[in-house]
Amino acid sequence: MSKFNSQITMLFIVVALVCAFVPAFSVEEAEANLLWNTCLVKITPKCALDIVAAVFENGTMPDPCCNDLVKEGKMCHDTLIKYIADKPMLIAHETEYLKKSDDLWKHCVSISKSA
């Protein structure tokens, strides 16, 4: 009887874990689809790479890409950067990346206003 009870307990634990993690995967997939369908299609692949390099490395942002970034919109920019910064290998420096993202946004807004 003890073996049967431990098997039932393990079954409940597995079901609970699946229920807990499946919605999280669905949200992440939905968020990735939102990024692709509404945000990344608004900028060129080169500018997307320049944005990532400017925030996550020490890349520079060309003025034409700044204009594309501002046209893309703050919500898309913030969502994209947060989506990338939440990855396990980057999350330790998420605060730094979010600050660089905000600084990049402010810089690009000032560039696009002067153009």
PDB file of N, CA and C in Angstrom:
ATOM      1  N   MET A   1       0.821  -1.200   0.000  1.00  0.00           N
ATOM      2  CA  MET A   1       0.000   0.000   0.000  1.00  0.00           C
ATOM      3  C   MET A   1       0.865   1.265   0.000  1.00  0.00           C
ATOM      4  N   SER A   2       1.988   1.218   0.713  1.00  0.00           N
ATOM      5  CA  SER A   2       2.880   2.365   0.793  1.00  0.00           C
ATOM      6  C   SER A   2       3.450   2.717  -0.582  1.00  0.00           C
ATOM      7  N   LYS A   3       3.805   1.691  -1.362  1.00  0.00           N
ATOM      8  CA  LYS A   3       4.325   1.931  -2.708  1.00  0.00           C
ATOM      9  C   LYS A   3       3.259   2.587  -3.586  1.00  0.00           C
ATOM     10  N   PHE A   4       2.024   2.155  -3.472  1.00  0.00           N
ATOM     11  CA  PHE A   4       0.917   2.734  -4.240  1.00  0.00           C
ATOM     12  C   PHE A   4       0.716   4.201  -3.868  1.00  0.00           C
ATOM     13  N   ASN A   5       0.767   4.530  -2.574  1.00  0.00           N
ATOM     14  CA  ASN A   5       0.596   5.922  -2.129  1.00  0.00           C
ATOM     15  C   ASN A   5       1.725   6.817  -2.636  1.00  0.00           C
ATOM     16  N   SER A   6       2.950   6.315  -2.647  1.00  0.00           N
ATOM     17  CA  SER A   6       4.055   7.135  -3.139  1.00  0.00           C
ATOM     18  C   SER A   6       3.937   7.351  -4.656  1.00  0.00           C
ATOM     19  N   GLN A   7       3.417   6.355  -5.381  1.00  0.00           N
ATOM     20  CA  GLN A   7       3.208   6.525  -6.817  1.00  0.00           C
ATOM     21  C   GLN A   7       2.121   7.564  -7.089  1.00  0.00           C
ATOM     22  N   ILE A   8       1.065   7.538  -6.311  1.00  0.00           N
ATOM     23  CA  ILE A   8      -0.010   8.526  -6.454  1.00  0.00           C
ATOM     24  C   ILE A   8       0.524   9.921  -6.130  1.00  0.00           C
ATOM     25  N   THR A   9       1.320  10.016  -5.075  1.00  0.00           N
ATOM     26  CA  THR A   9       1.902  11.306  -4.698  1.00  0.00           C
ATOM     27  C   THR A   9       2.787  11.835  -5.821  1.00  0.00           C
ATOM     28  N   MET A  10       3.620  10.982  -6.407  1.00  0.00           N
ATOM     29  CA  MET A  10       4.483  11.395  -7.516  1.00  0.00           C
ATOM     30  C   MET A  10       3.649  11.845  -8.718  1.00  0.00           C
ATOM     31  N   LEU A  11       2.567  11.147  -8.973  1.00  0.00           N
ATOM     32  CA  LEU A  11       1.688  11.515 -10.078  1.00  0.00           C
ATOM     33  C   LEU A  11       1.128  12.923  -9.872  1.00  0.00           C
ATOM     34  N   PHE A  12       0.684  13.215  -8.661  1.00  0.00           N
ATOM     35  CA  PHE A  12       0.145  14.556  -8.364  1.00  0.00           C
ATOM     36  C   PHE A  12       1.226  15.623  -8.507  1.00  0.00           C
ATOM     37  N   ILE A  13       2.442  15.298  -8.084  1.00  0.00           N
ATOM     38  CA  ILE A  13       3.540  16.268  -8.210  1.00  0.00           C
ATOM     39  C   ILE A  13       3.826  16.549  -9.683  1.00  0.00           C
ATOM     40  N   VAL A  14       3.883  15.518 -10.498  1.00  0.00           N
ATOM     41  CA  VAL A  14       4.137  15.697 -11.932  1.00  0.00           C
ATOM     42  C   VAL A  14       3.024  16.508 -12.580  1.00  0.00           C
ATOM     43  N   VAL A  15       1.782  16.198 -12.260  1.00  0.00           N
ATOM     44  CA  VAL A  15       0.646  16.943 -12.827  1.00  0.00           C
ATOM     45  C   VAL A  15       0.713  18.409 -12.395  1.00  0.00           C
ATOM     46  N   ALA A  16       1.039  18.658 -11.146  1.00  0.00           N
ATOM     47  CA  ALA A  16       1.137  20.041 -10.659  1.00  0.00           C
ATOM     48  C   ALA A  16       2.246  20.798 -11.380  1.00  0.00           C
ATOM     49  N   LEU A  17       3.388  20.149 -11.583  1.00  0.00           N
ATOM     50  CA  LEU A  17       4.488  20.805 -12.290  1.00  0.00           C
ATOM     51  C   LEU A  17       4.127  21.111 -13.737  1.00  0.00           C
ATOM     52  N   VAL A  18       3.481  20.173 -14.402  1.00  0.00           N
ATOM     53  CA  VAL A  18       3.066  20.398 -15.787  1.00  0.00           C
ATOM     54  C   VAL A  18       2.082  21.553 -15.857  1.00  0.00           C
ATOM     55  N   CYS A  19       1.130  21.578 -14.960  1.00  0.00           N
ATOM     56  CA  CYS A  19       0.140  22.665 -14.958  1.00  0.00           C
ATOM     57  C   CYS A  19       0.793  24.009 -14.667  1.00  0.00           C
ATOM     58  N   ALA A  20       1.815  23.995 -13.843  1.00  0.00           N
ATOM     59  CA  ALA A  20       2.486  25.244 -13.487  1.00  0.00           C
ATOM     60  C   ALA A  20       3.332  25.786 -14.631  1.00  0.00           C
ATOM     61  N   PHE A  21       3.985  24.887 -15.394  1.00  0.00           N
ATOM     62  CA  PHE A  21       4.924  25.353 -16.402  1.00  0.00           C
ATOM     63  C   PHE A  21       4.353  25.483 -17.797  1.00  0.00           C
ATOM     64  N   VAL A  22       3.352  24.763 -18.161  1.00  0.00           N
ATOM     65  CA  VAL A  22       2.794  24.846 -19.511  1.00  0.00           C
ATOM     66  C   VAL A  22       2.255  26.237 -19.815  1.00  0.00           C
ATOM     67  N   PRO A  23       1.492  26.875 -18.922  1.00  0.00           N
ATOM     68  CA  PRO A  23       1.051  28.239 -19.234  1.00  0.00           C
ATOM     69  C   PRO A  23       2.214  29.211 -19.404  1.00  0.00           C
ATOM     70  N   ALA A  24       3.291  29.030 -18.644  1.00  0.00           N
ATOM     71  CA  ALA A  24       4.444  29.923 -18.780  1.00  0.00           C
ATOM     72  C   ALA A  24       5.053  29.797 -20.170  1.00  0.00           C
ATOM     73  N   PHE A  25       5.154  28.573 -20.684  1.00  0.00           N
ATOM     74  CA  PHE A  25       5.693  28.397 -22.024  1.00  0.00           C
ATOM     75  C   PHE A  25       4.768  29.026 -23.055  1.00  0.00           C
ATOM     76  N   SER A  26       3.477  28.923 -22.860  1.00  0.00           N
ATOM     77  CA  SER A  26       2.514  29.500 -23.793  1.00  0.00           C
ATOM     78  C   SER A  26       2.632  31.019 -23.836  1.00  0.00           C
ATOM     79  N   VAL A  27       2.807  31.632 -22.678  1.00  0.00           N
ATOM     80  CA  VAL A  27       2.935  33.089 -22.626  1.00  0.00           C
ATOM     81  C   VAL A  27       4.200  33.517 -23.350  1.00  0.00           C
ATOM     82  N   GLU A  28       5.299  32.805 -23.125  1.00  0.00           N
ATOM     83  CA  GLU A  28       6.546  33.174 -23.773  1.00  0.00           C
ATOM     84  C   GLU A  28       6.420  33.039 -25.291  1.00  0.00           C
ATOM     85  N   GLU A  29       5.783  31.980 -25.744  1.00  0.00           N
ATOM     86  CA  GLU A  29       5.589  31.795 -27.184  1.00  0.00           C
ATOM     87  C   GLU A  29       4.684  32.888 -27.747  1.00  0.00           C
ATOM     88  N   ALA A  30       3.632  33.234 -27.025  1.00  0.00           N
ATOM     89  CA  ALA A  30       2.736  34.303 -27.469  1.00  0.00           C
ATOM     90  C   ALA A  30       3.480  35.631 -27.517  1.00  0.00           C
ATOM     91  N   GLU A  31       4.336  35.865 -26.524  1.00  0.00           N
ATOM     92  CA  GLU A  31       5.103  37.105 -26.505  1.00  0.00           C
ATOM     93  C   GLU A  31       6.067  37.157 -27.691  1.00  0.00           C
ATOM     94  N   ALA A  32       6.697  36.034 -27.996  1.00  0.00           N
ATOM     95  CA  ALA A  32       7.602  35.984 -29.146  1.00  0.00           C
ATOM     96  C   ALA A  32       6.843  36.247 -30.440  1.00  0.00           C
ATOM     97  N   ASN A  33       5.649  35.690 -30.564  1.00  0.00           N
ATOM     98  CA  ASN A  33       4.829  35.935 -31.761  1.00  0.00           C
ATOM     99  C   ASN A  33       4.432  37.395 -31.861  1.00  0.00           C
ATOM    100  N   LEU A  34       4.071  38.019 -30.740  1.00  0.00           N
ATOM    101  CA  LEU A  34       3.725  39.441 -30.732  1.00  0.00           C
ATOM    102  C   LEU A  34       4.910  40.272 -31.207  1.00  0.00           C
ATOM    103  N   LEU A  35       6.100  39.960 -30.678  1.00  0.00           N
ATOM    104  CA  LEU A  35       7.296  40.688 -31.094  1.00  0.00           C
ATOM    105  C   LEU A  35       7.516  40.582 -32.596  1.00  0.00           C
ATOM    106  N   TRP A  36       7.399  39.375 -33.104  1.00  0.00           N
ATOM    107  CA  TRP A  36       7.637  39.171 -34.533  1.00  0.00           C
ATOM    108  C   TRP A  36       6.581  39.858 -35.376  1.00  0.00           C
ATOM    109  N   ASN A  37       5.311  39.651 -35.039  1.00  0.00           N
ATOM    110  CA  ASN A  37       4.212  40.130 -35.884  1.00  0.00           C
ATOM    111  C   ASN A  37       3.989  41.631 -35.828  1.00  0.00           C
ATOM    112  N   THR A  38       4.283  42.251 -34.709  1.00  0.00           N
ATOM    113  CA  THR A  38       3.961  43.673 -34.597  1.00  0.00           C
ATOM    114  C   THR A  38       5.179  44.579 -34.483  1.00  0.00           C
ATOM    115  N   CYS A  39       6.307  44.029 -34.084  1.00  0.00           N
ATOM    116  CA  CYS A  39       7.446  44.898 -33.811  1.00  0.00           C
ATOM    117  C   CYS A  39       8.603  44.700 -34.787  1.00  0.00           C
ATOM    118  N   LEU A  40       9.093  43.497 -34.872  1.00  0.00           N
ATOM    119  CA  LEU A  40      10.298  43.276 -35.672  1.00  0.00           C
ATOM    120  C   LEU A  40      10.087  43.491 -37.156  1.00  0.00           C
ATOM    121  N   VAL A  41       8.847  43.417 -37.622  1.00  0.00           N
ATOM    122  CA  VAL A  41       8.596  43.656 -39.045  1.00  0.00           C
ATOM    123  C   VAL A  41       8.702  45.144 -39.390  1.00  0.00           C
ATOM    124  N   LYS A  42       8.776  46.003 -38.380  1.00  0.00           N
ATOM    125  CA  LYS A  42       8.843  47.447 -38.626  1.00  0.00           C
ATOM    126  C   LYS A  42      10.260  47.955 -38.834  1.00  0.00           C
ATOM    127  N   ILE A  43      11.267  47.127 -38.551  1.00  0.00           N
ATOM    128  CA  ILE A  43      12.645  47.571 -38.692  1.00  0.00           C
ATOM    129  C   ILE A  43      13.419  46.562 -39.539  1.00  0.00           C
ATOM    130  N   THR A  44      14.521  47.020 -40.109  1.00  0.00           N
ATOM    131  CA  THR A  44      15.336  46.125 -40.928  1.00  0.00           C
ATOM    132  C   THR A  44      16.093  45.157 -40.025  1.00  0.00           C
ATOM    133  N   PRO A  45      16.449  44.003 -40.557  1.00  0.00           N
ATOM    134  CA  PRO A  45      17.242  43.061 -39.754  1.00  0.00           C
ATOM    135  C   PRO A  45      18.561  43.676 -39.274  1.00  0.00           C
ATOM    136  N   LYS A  46      19.206  44.493 -40.122  1.00  0.00           N
ATOM    137  CA  LYS A  46      20.454  45.129 -39.712  1.00  0.00           C
ATOM    138  C   LYS A  46      20.235  46.055 -38.531  1.00  0.00           C
ATOM    139  N   CYS A  47      19.151  46.833 -38.565  1.00  0.00           N
ATOM    140  CA  CYS A  47      18.866  47.733 -37.443  1.00  0.00           C
ATOM    141  C   CYS A  47      18.523  46.946 -36.174  1.00  0.00           C
ATOM    142  N   ALA A  48      17.816  45.834 -36.330  1.00  0.00           N
ATOM    143  CA  ALA A  48      17.515  44.998 -35.161  1.00  0.00           C
ATOM    144  C   ALA A  48      18.813  44.510 -34.522  1.00  0.00           C
ATOM    145  N   LEU A  49      19.765  44.088 -35.356  1.00  0.00           N
ATOM    146  CA  LEU A  49      21.059  43.653 -34.831  1.00  0.00           C
ATOM    147  C   LEU A  49      21.825  44.802 -34.200  1.00  0.00           C
ATOM    148  N   ASP A  50      21.731  45.994 -34.794  1.00  0.00           N
ATOM    149  CA  ASP A  50      22.397  47.171 -34.218  1.00  0.00           C
ATOM    150  C   ASP A  50      21.811  47.514 -32.845  1.00  0.00           C
ATOM    151  N   ILE A  51      20.496  47.395 -32.714  1.00  0.00           N
ATOM    152  CA  ILE A  51      19.843  47.660 -31.428  1.00  0.00           C
ATOM    153  C   ILE A  51      20.331  46.670 -30.377  1.00  0.00           C
ATOM    154  N   VAL A  52      20.342  45.396 -30.744  1.00  0.00           N
ATOM    155  CA  VAL A  52      20.800  44.367 -29.812  1.00  0.00           C
ATOM    156  C   VAL A  52      22.259  44.603 -29.431  1.00  0.00           C
ATOM    157  N   ALA A  53      23.095  44.936 -30.409  1.00  0.00           N
ATOM    158  CA  ALA A  53      24.509  45.194 -30.133  1.00  0.00           C
ATOM    159  C   ALA A  53      24.683  46.418 -29.238  1.00  0.00           C
ATOM    160  N   ALA A  54      23.879  47.449 -29.441  1.00  0.00           N
ATOM    161  CA  ALA A  54      23.988  48.663 -28.634  1.00  0.00           C
ATOM    162  C   ALA A  54      23.588  48.415 -27.180  1.00  0.00           C
ATOM    163  N   VAL A  55      22.628  47.534 -26.965  1.00  0.00           N
ATOM    164  CA  VAL A  55      22.144  47.287 -25.599  1.00  0.00           C
ATOM    165  C   VAL A  55      22.937  46.183 -24.913  1.00  0.00           C
ATOM    166  N   PHE A  56      23.199  45.093 -25.609  1.00  0.00           N
ATOM    167  CA  PHE A  56      23.786  43.920 -24.964  1.00  0.00           C
ATOM    168  C   PHE A  56      25.294  43.804 -25.156  1.00  0.00           C
ATOM    169  N   GLU A  57      25.851  44.643 -26.017  1.00  0.00           N
ATOM    170  CA  GLU A  57      27.290  44.690 -26.211  1.00  0.00           C
ATOM    171  C   GLU A  57      27.681  46.158 -26.118  1.00  0.00           C
ATOM    172  N   ASN A  58      28.741  46.536 -26.771  1.00  0.00           N
ATOM    173  CA  ASN A  58      29.137  47.941 -26.781  1.00  0.00           C
ATOM    174  C   ASN A  58      29.052  48.502 -28.190  1.00  0.00           C
ATOM    175  N   GLY A  59      28.015  48.086 -28.918  1.00  0.00           N
ATOM    176  CA  GLY A  59      27.838  48.542 -30.291  1.00  0.00           C
ATOM    177  C   GLY A  59      27.349  49.981 -30.355  1.00  0.00           C
ATOM    178  N   THR A  60      27.435  50.533 -31.547  1.00  0.00           N
ATOM    179  CA  THR A  60      26.933  51.893 -31.773  1.00  0.00           C
ATOM    180  C   THR A  60      25.673  51.811 -32.619  1.00  0.00           C
ATOM    181  N   MET A  61      24.901  52.840 -32.527  1.00  0.00           N
ATOM    182  CA  MET A  61      23.614  52.883 -33.227  1.00  0.00           C
ATOM    183  C   MET A  61      23.669  53.933 -34.324  1.00  0.00           C
ATOM    184  N   PRO A  62      23.585  53.520 -35.587  1.00  0.00           N
ATOM    185  CA  PRO A  62      23.567  54.493 -36.688  1.00  0.00           C
ATOM    186  C   PRO A  62      22.286  55.340 -36.644  1.00  0.00           C
ATOM    187  N   ASP A  63      22.394  56.584 -37.061  1.00  0.00           N
ATOM    188  CA  ASP A  63      21.237  57.489 -37.040  1.00  0.00           C
ATOM    189  C   ASP A  63      20.022  56.946 -37.798  1.00  0.00           C
ATOM    190  N   PRO A  64      20.193  56.372 -39.007  1.00  0.00           N
ATOM    191  CA  PRO A  64      18.997  55.851 -39.690  1.00  0.00           C
ATOM    192  C   PRO A  64      18.279  54.764 -38.871  1.00  0.00           C
ATOM    193  N   CYS A  65      19.047  53.968 -38.151  1.00  0.00           N
ATOM    194  CA  CYS A  65      18.420  52.939 -37.308  1.00  0.00           C
ATOM    195  C   CYS A  65      17.710  53.570 -36.116  1.00  0.00           C
ATOM    196  N   CYS A  66      18.229  54.680 -35.632  1.00  0.00           N
ATOM    197  CA  CYS A  66      17.528  55.405 -34.559  1.00  0.00           C
ATOM    198  C   CYS A  66      16.142  55.824 -35.037  1.00  0.00           C
ATOM    199  N   ASN A  67      16.087  56.330 -36.267  1.00  0.00           N
ATOM    200  CA  ASN A  67      14.787  56.728 -36.809  1.00  0.00           C
ATOM    201  C   ASN A  67      13.839  55.531 -36.904  1.00  0.00           C
ATOM    202  N   ASP A  68      14.369  54.383 -37.336  1.00  0.00           N
ATOM    203  CA  ASP A  68      13.546  53.169 -37.405  1.00  0.00           C
ATOM    204  C   ASP A  68      13.074  52.740 -36.014  1.00  0.00           C
ATOM    205  N   LEU A  69      13.972  52.839 -35.047  1.00  0.00           N
ATOM    206  CA  LEU A  69      13.620  52.454 -33.673  1.00  0.00           C
ATOM    207  C   LEU A  69      12.481  53.307 -33.143  1.00  0.00           C
ATOM    208  N   VAL A  70      12.559  54.609 -33.376  1.00  0.00           N
ATOM    209  CA  VAL A  70      11.506  55.505 -32.884  1.00  0.00           C
ATOM    210  C   VAL A  70      10.188  55.215 -33.601  1.00  0.00           C
ATOM    211  N   LYS A  71      10.256  54.921 -34.897  1.00  0.00           N
ATOM    212  CA  LYS A  71       9.032  54.558 -35.628  1.00  0.00           C
ATOM    213  C   LYS A  71       8.447  53.253 -35.117  1.00  0.00           C
ATOM    214  N   GLU A  72       9.323  52.333 -34.719  1.00  0.00           N
ATOM    215  CA  GLU A  72       8.876  51.053 -34.165  1.00  0.00           C
ATOM    216  C   GLU A  72       8.049  51.288 -32.898  1.00  0.00           C
ATOM    217  N   GLY A  73       8.483  52.235 -32.081  1.00  0.00           N
ATOM    218  CA  GLY A  73       7.736  52.581 -30.875  1.00  0.00           C
ATOM    219  C   GLY A  73       8.384  52.085 -29.596  1.00  0.00           C
ATOM    220  N   LYS A  74       8.130  52.820 -28.534  1.00  0.00           N
ATOM    221  CA  LYS A  74       8.716  52.515 -27.219  1.00  0.00           C
ATOM    222  C   LYS A  74       8.240  51.166 -26.698  1.00  0.00           C
ATOM    223  N   MET A  75       6.972  50.861 -26.857  1.00  0.00           N
ATOM    224  CA  MET A  75       6.441  49.597 -26.345  1.00  0.00           C
ATOM    225  C   MET A  75       7.146  48.415 -27.007  1.00  0.00           C
ATOM    226  N   CYS A  76       7.317  48.467 -28.317  1.00  0.00           N
ATOM    227  CA  CYS A  76       8.000  47.378 -29.016  1.00  0.00           C
ATOM    228  C   CYS A  76       9.454  47.277 -28.571  1.00  0.00           C
ATOM    229  N   HIS A  77      10.106  48.409 -28.473  1.00  0.00           N
ATOM    230  CA  HIS A  77      11.510  48.423 -28.053  1.00  0.00           C
ATOM    231  C   HIS A  77      11.651  47.819 -26.655  1.00  0.00           C
ATOM    232  N   ASP A  78      10.856  48.293 -25.723  1.00  0.00           N
ATOM    233  CA  ASP A  78      10.929  47.798 -24.346  1.00  0.00           C
ATOM    234  C   ASP A  78      10.614  46.305 -24.266  1.00  0.00           C
ATOM    235  N   THR A  79       9.610  45.870 -25.005  1.00  0.00           N
ATOM    236  CA  THR A  79       9.214  44.461 -24.987  1.00  0.00           C
ATOM    237  C   THR A  79      10.317  43.585 -25.549  1.00  0.00           C
ATOM    238  N   LEU A  80      10.914  44.007 -26.647  1.00  0.00           N
ATOM    239  CA  LEU A  80      11.990  43.238 -27.263  1.00  0.00           C
ATOM    240  C   LEU A  80      13.179  43.104 -26.313  1.00  0.00           C
ATOM    241  N   ILE A  81      13.606  44.208 -25.736  1.00  0.00           N
ATOM    242  CA  ILE A  81      14.772  44.188 -24.853  1.00  0.00           C
ATOM    243  C   ILE A  81      14.478  43.366 -23.602  1.00  0.00           C
ATOM    244  N   LYS A  82      13.301  43.541 -23.023  1.00  0.00           N
ATOM    245  CA  LYS A  82      12.932  42.772 -21.829  1.00  0.00           C
ATOM    246  C   LYS A  82      12.870  41.278 -22.158  1.00  0.00           C
ATOM    247  N   TYR A  83      12.337  40.929 -23.313  1.00  0.00           N
ATOM    248  CA  TYR A  83      12.251  39.532 -23.746  1.00  0.00           C
ATOM    249  C   TYR A  83      13.641  38.911 -23.835  1.00  0.00           C
ATOM    250  N   ILE A  84      14.582  39.641 -24.412  1.00  0.00           N
ATOM    251  CA  ILE A  84      15.942  39.122 -24.545  1.00  0.00           C
ATOM    252  C   ILE A  84      16.642  39.102 -23.184  1.00  0.00           C
ATOM    253  N   ALA A  85      16.506  40.184 -22.413  1.00  0.00           N
ATOM    254  CA  ALA A  85      17.198  40.290 -21.125  1.00  0.00           C
ATOM    255  C   ALA A  85      16.717  39.259 -20.109  1.00  0.00           C
ATOM    256  N   ASP A  86      15.524  38.723 -20.293  1.00  0.00           N
ATOM    257  CA  ASP A  86      14.987  37.716 -19.375  1.00  0.00           C
ATOM    258  C   ASP A  86      15.560  36.323 -19.614  1.00  0.00           C
ATOM    259  N   LYS A  87      16.370  36.152 -20.633  1.00  0.00           N
ATOM    260  CA  LYS A  87      16.955  34.838 -20.908  1.00  0.00           C
ATOM    261  C   LYS A  87      17.934  34.481 -19.794  1.00  0.00           C
ATOM    262  N   PRO A  88      17.995  33.210 -19.420  1.00  0.00           N
ATOM    263  CA  PRO A  88      18.812  32.795 -18.266  1.00  0.00           C
ATOM    264  C   PRO A  88      20.265  33.268 -18.293  1.00  0.00           C
ATOM    265  N   MET A  89      20.898  33.269 -19.461  1.00  0.00           N
ATOM    266  CA  MET A  89      22.303  33.660 -19.492  1.00  0.00           C
ATOM    267  C   MET A  89      22.510  35.176 -19.412  1.00  0.00           C
ATOM    268  N   LEU A  90      21.443  35.953 -19.501  1.00  0.00           N
ATOM    269  CA  LEU A  90      21.552  37.417 -19.452  1.00  0.00           C
ATOM    270  C   LEU A  90      20.904  38.036 -18.227  1.00  0.00           C
ATOM    271  N   ILE A  91      20.058  37.309 -17.544  1.00  0.00           N
ATOM    272  CA  ILE A  91      19.220  37.900 -16.500  1.00  0.00           C
ATOM    273  C   ILE A  91      20.028  38.495 -15.343  1.00  0.00           C
ATOM    274  N   ALA A  92      21.242  38.007 -15.122  1.00  0.00           N
ATOM    275  CA  ALA A  92      22.065  38.548 -14.035  1.00  0.00           C
ATOM    276  C   ALA A  92      22.387  40.025 -14.256  1.00  0.00           C
ATOM    277  N   HIS A  93      22.403  40.456 -15.512  1.00  0.00           N
ATOM    278  CA  HIS A  93      22.726  41.859 -15.839  1.00  0.00           C
ATOM    279  C   HIS A  93      21.515  42.601 -16.396  1.00  0.00           C
ATOM    280  N   GLU A  94      20.324  42.113 -16.110  1.00  0.00           N
ATOM    281  CA  GLU A  94      19.102  42.695 -16.681  1.00  0.00           C
ATOM    282  C   GLU A  94      18.974  44.182 -16.372  1.00  0.00           C
ATOM    283  N   THR A  95      19.266  44.599 -15.151  1.00  0.00           N
ATOM    284  CA  THR A  95      19.151  46.017 -14.782  1.00  0.00           C
ATOM    285  C   THR A  95      20.054  46.890 -15.649  1.00  0.00           C
ATOM    286  N   GLU A  96      21.264  46.424 -15.866  1.00  0.00           N
ATOM    287  CA  GLU A  96      22.210  47.161 -16.718  1.00  0.00           C
ATOM    288  C   GLU A  96      21.674  47.278 -18.142  1.00  0.00           C
ATOM    289  N   TYR A  97      21.138  46.168 -18.673  1.00  0.00           N
ATOM    290  CA  TYR A  97      20.613  46.174 -20.034  1.00  0.00           C
ATOM    291  C   TYR A  97      19.403  47.087 -20.170  1.00  0.00           C
ATOM    292  N   LEU A  98      18.533  47.084 -19.175  1.00  0.00           N
ATOM    293  CA  LEU A  98      17.345  47.942 -19.239  1.00  0.00           C
ATOM    294  C   LEU A  98      17.730  49.415 -19.185  1.00  0.00           C
ATOM    295  N   LYS A  99      18.770  49.744 -18.414  1.00  0.00           N
ATOM    296  CA  LYS A  99      19.247  51.132 -18.377  1.00  0.00           C
ATOM    297  C   LYS A  99      19.837  51.517 -19.734  1.00  0.00           C
ATOM    298  N   LYS A 100      20.643  50.633 -20.308  1.00  0.00           N
ATOM    299  CA  LYS A 100      21.215  50.916 -21.627  1.00  0.00           C
ATOM    300  C   LYS A 100      20.115  51.058 -22.670  1.00  0.00           C
ATOM    301  N   SER A 101      19.074  50.267 -22.527  1.00  0.00           N
ATOM    302  CA  SER A 101      17.935  50.352 -23.441  1.00  0.00           C
ATOM    303  C   SER A 101      17.257  51.711 -23.337  1.00  0.00           C
ATOM    304  N   ASP A 102      17.027  52.175 -22.107  1.00  0.00           N
ATOM    305  CA  ASP A 102      16.413  53.498 -21.906  1.00  0.00           C
ATOM    306  C   ASP A 102      17.307  54.608 -22.445  1.00  0.00           C
ATOM    307  N   ASP A 103      18.608  54.493 -22.199  1.00  0.00           N
ATOM    308  CA  ASP A 103      19.547  55.495 -22.717  1.00  0.00           C
ATOM    309  C   ASP A 103      19.538  55.520 -24.246  1.00  0.00           C
ATOM    310  N   LEU A 104      19.494  54.339 -24.844  1.00  0.00           N
ATOM    311  CA  LEU A 104      19.437  54.255 -26.306  1.00  0.00           C
ATOM    312  C   LEU A 104      18.152  54.895 -26.826  1.00  0.00           C
ATOM    313  N   TRP A 105      17.033  54.619 -26.168  1.00  0.00           N
ATOM    314  CA  TRP A 105      15.755  55.192 -26.592  1.00  0.00           C
ATOM    315  C   TRP A 105      15.815  56.725 -26.551  1.00  0.00           C
ATOM    316  N   LYS A 106      16.315  57.268 -25.451  1.00  0.00           N
ATOM    317  CA  LYS A 106      16.407  58.732 -25.311  1.00  0.00           C
ATOM    318  C   LYS A 106      17.314  59.317 -26.388  1.00  0.00           C
ATOM    319  N   HIS A 107      18.430  58.657 -26.643  1.00  0.00           N
ATOM    320  CA  HIS A 107      19.352  59.119 -27.688  1.00  0.00           C
ATOM    321  C   HIS A 107      18.663  59.119 -29.051  1.00  0.00           C
ATOM    322  N   CYS A 108      17.963  58.046 -29.348  1.00  0.00           N
ATOM    323  CA  CYS A 108      17.309  57.941 -30.667  1.00  0.00           C
ATOM    324  C   CYS A 108      16.161  58.935 -30.815  1.00  0.00           C
ATOM    325  N   VAL A 109      15.440  59.197 -29.756  1.00  0.00           N
ATOM    326  CA  VAL A 109      14.381  60.208 -29.819  1.00  0.00           C
ATOM    327  C   VAL A 109      14.998  61.564 -30.124  1.00  0.00           C
ATOM    328  N   SER A 110      16.098  61.885 -29.482  1.00  0.00           N
ATOM    329  CA  SER A 110      16.739  63.190 -29.737  1.00  0.00           C
ATOM    330  C   SER A 110      17.282  63.260 -31.165  1.00  0.00           C
ATOM    331  N   ILE A 111      17.793  62.167 -31.697  1.00  0.00           N
ATOM    332  CA  ILE A 111      18.269  62.122 -33.092  1.00  0.00           C
ATOM    333  C   ILE A 111      17.098  62.315 -34.063  1.00  0.00           C
ATOM    334  N   SER A 112      16.005  61.623 -33.801  1.00  0.00           N
ATOM    335  CA  SER A 112      14.869  61.691 -34.740  1.00  0.00           C
ATOM    336  C   SER A 112      14.186  63.068 -34.706  1.00  0.00           C
ATOM    337  N   LYS A 113      14.215  63.732 -33.562  1.00  0.00           N
ATOM    338  CA  LYS A 113      13.633  65.088 -33.470  1.00  0.00           C
ATOM    339  C   LYS A 113      14.457  66.103 -34.241  1.00  0.00           C
ATOM    340  N   SER A 114      15.760  65.892 -34.269  1.00  0.00           N
ATOM    341  CA  SER A 114      16.627  66.853 -34.964  1.00  0.00           C
ATOM    342  C   SER A 114      16.692  66.584 -36.465  1.00  0.00           C
ATOM    343  N   ALA A 115      16.191  65.460 -36.898  1.00  0.00           N
ATOM    344  CA  ALA A 115      16.254  65.130 -38.337  1.00  0.00           C
ATOM    345  C   ALA A 115      15.150  65.786 -39.120  1.00  0.00           C
TER     346      ALA A 115
END
